[in-house]
Protein backbone atom coordinates (compact mmCIF):
# COMPACT_ATOMS: atom_id res chain seq x y z
CA MET A 1 32.08 33.82 -50.79
CA ILE A 2 32.41 30.25 -49.44
CA ARG A 3 31.45 29.81 -45.80
CA GLN A 4 34.26 28.81 -43.42
CA ASP A 5 32.46 25.65 -42.20
CA ILE A 6 32.21 24.37 -45.79
CA LEU A 7 35.93 24.96 -46.35
CA GLU A 8 36.81 23.18 -43.11
CA ASN A 9 34.55 20.25 -44.01
CA LEU A 10 36.18 19.88 -47.44
CA ALA A 11 39.62 19.76 -45.78
CA LYS A 12 38.63 16.64 -43.83
CA PRO A 13 39.48 13.50 -45.79
CA ILE A 14 37.28 10.68 -47.02
CA TYR A 15 38.68 7.14 -46.91
CA LEU A 16 37.53 4.21 -49.02
CA GLY A 17 38.56 0.59 -48.56
CA ILE A 18 38.70 -1.53 -51.72
CA GLY A 19 39.14 -5.29 -51.77
CA SER A 20 39.05 -8.19 -54.22
CA ASN A 21 39.51 -11.94 -53.85
CA ILE A 22 38.33 -13.33 -57.19
CA GLY A 23 40.05 -13.23 -60.58
CA SER A 24 42.84 -10.76 -61.27
CA LYS A 25 42.63 -9.00 -57.93
CA LYS A 26 45.08 -6.20 -58.67
CA ARG A 27 43.42 -5.52 -62.03
CA ASN A 28 39.98 -5.47 -60.35
CA ILE A 29 41.21 -2.85 -57.87
CA GLU A 30 42.84 -0.75 -60.60
CA LEU A 31 39.60 -0.88 -62.63
CA THR A 32 37.71 0.24 -59.54
CA LYS A 33 40.06 3.20 -59.12
CA SER A 34 39.64 4.09 -62.80
CA LYS A 35 35.83 4.00 -62.52
CA LEU A 36 35.95 6.21 -59.44
CA VAL A 37 38.05 8.80 -61.30
CA LYS A 38 35.70 8.65 -64.31
CA ASN A 39 32.89 9.53 -61.88
CA ASN A 40 34.68 12.68 -60.67
CA ILE A 41 36.22 11.17 -57.56
CA ASN A 42 39.60 12.77 -56.91
CA ILE A 43 42.09 10.22 -55.53
CA LEU A 44 44.51 12.07 -53.25
CA LYS A 45 46.48 9.12 -51.81
CA THR A 46 46.63 5.38 -52.38
CA SER A 47 48.06 2.83 -49.96
CA SER A 48 50.16 -0.12 -50.97
CA TYR A 49 48.41 -3.42 -51.64
CA TYR A 50 47.88 -5.68 -48.64
CA GLU A 51 47.11 -9.39 -48.83
CA SER A 52 45.02 -10.90 -46.05
CA LEU A 53 43.08 -14.03 -45.27
CA SER A 54 39.43 -14.13 -46.21
CA TRP A 55 37.14 -13.64 -43.24
CA PRO A 56 35.30 -15.43 -41.68
CA ASN A 57 36.20 -18.42 -43.89
CA SER A 58 39.97 -18.51 -44.35
CA ASN A 59 39.51 -21.34 -46.90
CA ASN A 60 38.19 -18.78 -49.40
CA PRO A 61 40.76 -17.06 -51.64
CA LYS A 62 42.93 -14.42 -49.97
CA PHE A 63 41.95 -10.78 -50.34
CA LEU A 64 43.97 -7.98 -51.85
CA ASN A 65 43.08 -4.63 -50.23
CA ILE A 66 43.98 -0.96 -50.45
CA VAL A 67 42.76 2.23 -48.82
CA LEU A 68 42.23 5.43 -50.79
CA CYS A 69 42.06 8.98 -49.54
CA ILE A 70 39.63 10.77 -51.84
CA ASP A 71 37.81 14.03 -52.31
CA THR A 72 34.36 14.48 -53.81
CA TYR A 73 31.43 16.84 -53.79
CA LEU A 74 29.08 13.85 -53.37
CA ASN A 75 27.37 13.38 -50.03
CA PRO A 76 27.84 10.04 -48.20
CA LEU A 77 24.68 8.41 -49.62
CA GLU A 78 25.50 9.51 -53.17
CA LEU A 79 29.03 8.12 -52.73
CA ILE A 80 27.87 4.73 -51.41
CA ASN A 81 25.37 4.47 -54.28
CA LEU A 82 28.19 5.17 -56.75
CA CYS A 83 30.34 2.52 -55.04
CA LYS A 84 27.53 -0.07 -55.28
CA LYS A 85 27.06 0.81 -58.98
CA ILE A 86 30.80 0.30 -59.64
CA GLU A 87 30.76 -3.02 -57.77
CA LYS A 88 27.94 -4.22 -60.05
CA GLU A 89 29.73 -2.97 -63.18
CA LEU A 90 32.72 -5.07 -62.15
CA GLY A 91 30.59 -8.19 -61.79
CA ARG A 92 29.53 -8.25 -58.17
CA THR A 93 26.27 -10.11 -57.77
CA LYS A 94 23.97 -10.79 -54.84
CA SER A 95 25.66 -13.55 -52.88
CA PRO A 96 25.84 -14.73 -49.29
CA LYS A 97 27.44 -12.33 -46.82
CA ASN A 98 31.28 -12.47 -46.90
CA ALA A 99 31.30 -14.63 -50.05
CA PRO A 100 34.26 -14.20 -52.45
CA ARG A 101 33.91 -11.17 -54.75
CA LYS A 102 35.64 -9.29 -57.53
CA CYS A 103 35.11 -5.91 -55.95
CA ASP A 104 34.14 -4.63 -52.54
CA ILE A 105 34.13 -0.88 -51.79
CA ASP A 106 33.49 0.44 -48.29
CA ILE A 107 33.39 3.99 -47.00
CA ILE A 108 35.73 3.80 -44.02
CA ASP A 109 35.44 7.43 -42.89
CA PHE A 110 33.63 10.35 -44.52
CA ARG A 111 35.08 13.59 -43.14
CA ASN A 112 34.66 12.35 -39.55
CA LYS A 113 30.86 12.23 -39.97
CA LYS A 114 28.82 10.04 -37.68
CA MET A 115 25.76 8.46 -39.35
CA LYS A 116 23.33 5.65 -38.60
CA GLY A 117 20.61 4.30 -40.84
CA LYS A 118 21.01 3.09 -44.44
CA LEU A 119 24.71 3.94 -44.16
CA ILE A 120 26.71 3.70 -40.93
CA LEU A 121 29.69 6.04 -40.59
CA PRO A 122 32.43 5.54 -39.74
CA HIS A 123 32.42 1.94 -40.96
CA PRO A 124 31.19 -0.02 -37.92
CA ARG A 125 33.88 -2.74 -37.97
CA MET A 126 36.83 -0.91 -39.48
CA HIS A 127 38.63 -0.51 -36.14
CA ASN A 128 38.93 -4.32 -35.85
CA ARG A 129 40.19 -5.00 -39.37
CA ASN A 130 43.87 -5.35 -40.14
CA PHE A 131 43.22 -4.88 -43.89
CA VAL A 132 41.76 -1.43 -43.17
CA LEU A 133 43.96 -0.22 -40.32
CA LEU A 134 47.39 -0.99 -41.80
CA PRO A 135 46.78 0.62 -45.23
CA LEU A 136 45.02 3.56 -43.55
CA PHE A 137 48.00 4.04 -41.22
CA GLU A 138 50.30 4.05 -44.27
CA ILE A 139 48.50 7.05 -45.78
CA ASP A 140 47.44 8.90 -42.59
CA LYS A 141 49.47 8.22 -39.46
CA ASP A 142 47.50 10.89 -37.55
CA TRP A 143 44.00 9.53 -38.23
CA LYS A 144 41.75 9.20 -35.18
CA HIS A 145 38.50 7.22 -34.94
CA PRO A 146 35.62 9.74 -34.90
CA ILE A 147 33.56 7.84 -32.32
CA ILE A 148 35.90 5.93 -30.03
CA LYS A 149 38.50 8.73 -30.28
CA GLN A 150 41.47 6.34 -30.45
CA SER A 151 44.46 6.97 -32.68
CA ILE A 152 45.18 4.63 -35.55
CA LYS A 153 48.37 3.54 -33.76
CA ARG A 154 46.36 2.53 -30.67
CA LEU A 155 43.83 0.63 -32.83
CA ILE A 156 46.61 -1.29 -34.60
CA LEU A 157 48.22 -2.15 -31.26
CA SER A 158 44.88 -3.55 -30.09
CA LEU A 159 44.84 -6.13 -32.93
CA SER A 160 45.81 -9.67 -32.02
CA ASN A 161 49.27 -10.96 -32.92
CA SER A 162 47.69 -13.41 -35.36
CA ASP A 163 45.88 -10.50 -37.08
CA ILE A 164 49.18 -8.66 -37.47
CA ARG A 165 51.02 -11.76 -38.74
CA SER A 166 48.26 -12.79 -41.18
CA ILE A 167 48.56 -9.70 -43.41
CA LYS A 168 51.39 -8.71 -45.69
CA LYS A 169 52.22 -5.65 -47.73
CA ILE A 170 52.68 -6.54 -51.40
């Protein structure tokens, strides 16, 4: 018999943000999704592609981003280690922070868990990022930030007008 708390925990979604701004960006993201599936990650929902300026240096190539809703039996640290392994397989190398990259995978929210340490959950800056909030809203209009307790709609409304105008659905 499976305990009720385990069943309830599995019902809470996990969200990953995937981005690319080097090479064939869409292909890089599709390869990332394929590698996740090959590693027993069940993709439940996928947002549309969103193009946004590179941050903090808007002179770098634009990013293509998506958000996935997934399910896995991995714990958060096992999942982030898998994500880092996939990034390396796709050619990500050690480079300066926020440098252009073929593949970037972030855990946005892991079943509403709150963690600090090697991995911070939910993602510490996700509530300020248009390229996370808009695709996340597309796949879960009822999502609420686990720490600041604001709805996704409220978080989007708190973005600046320039943040809203600088991103487009592809």
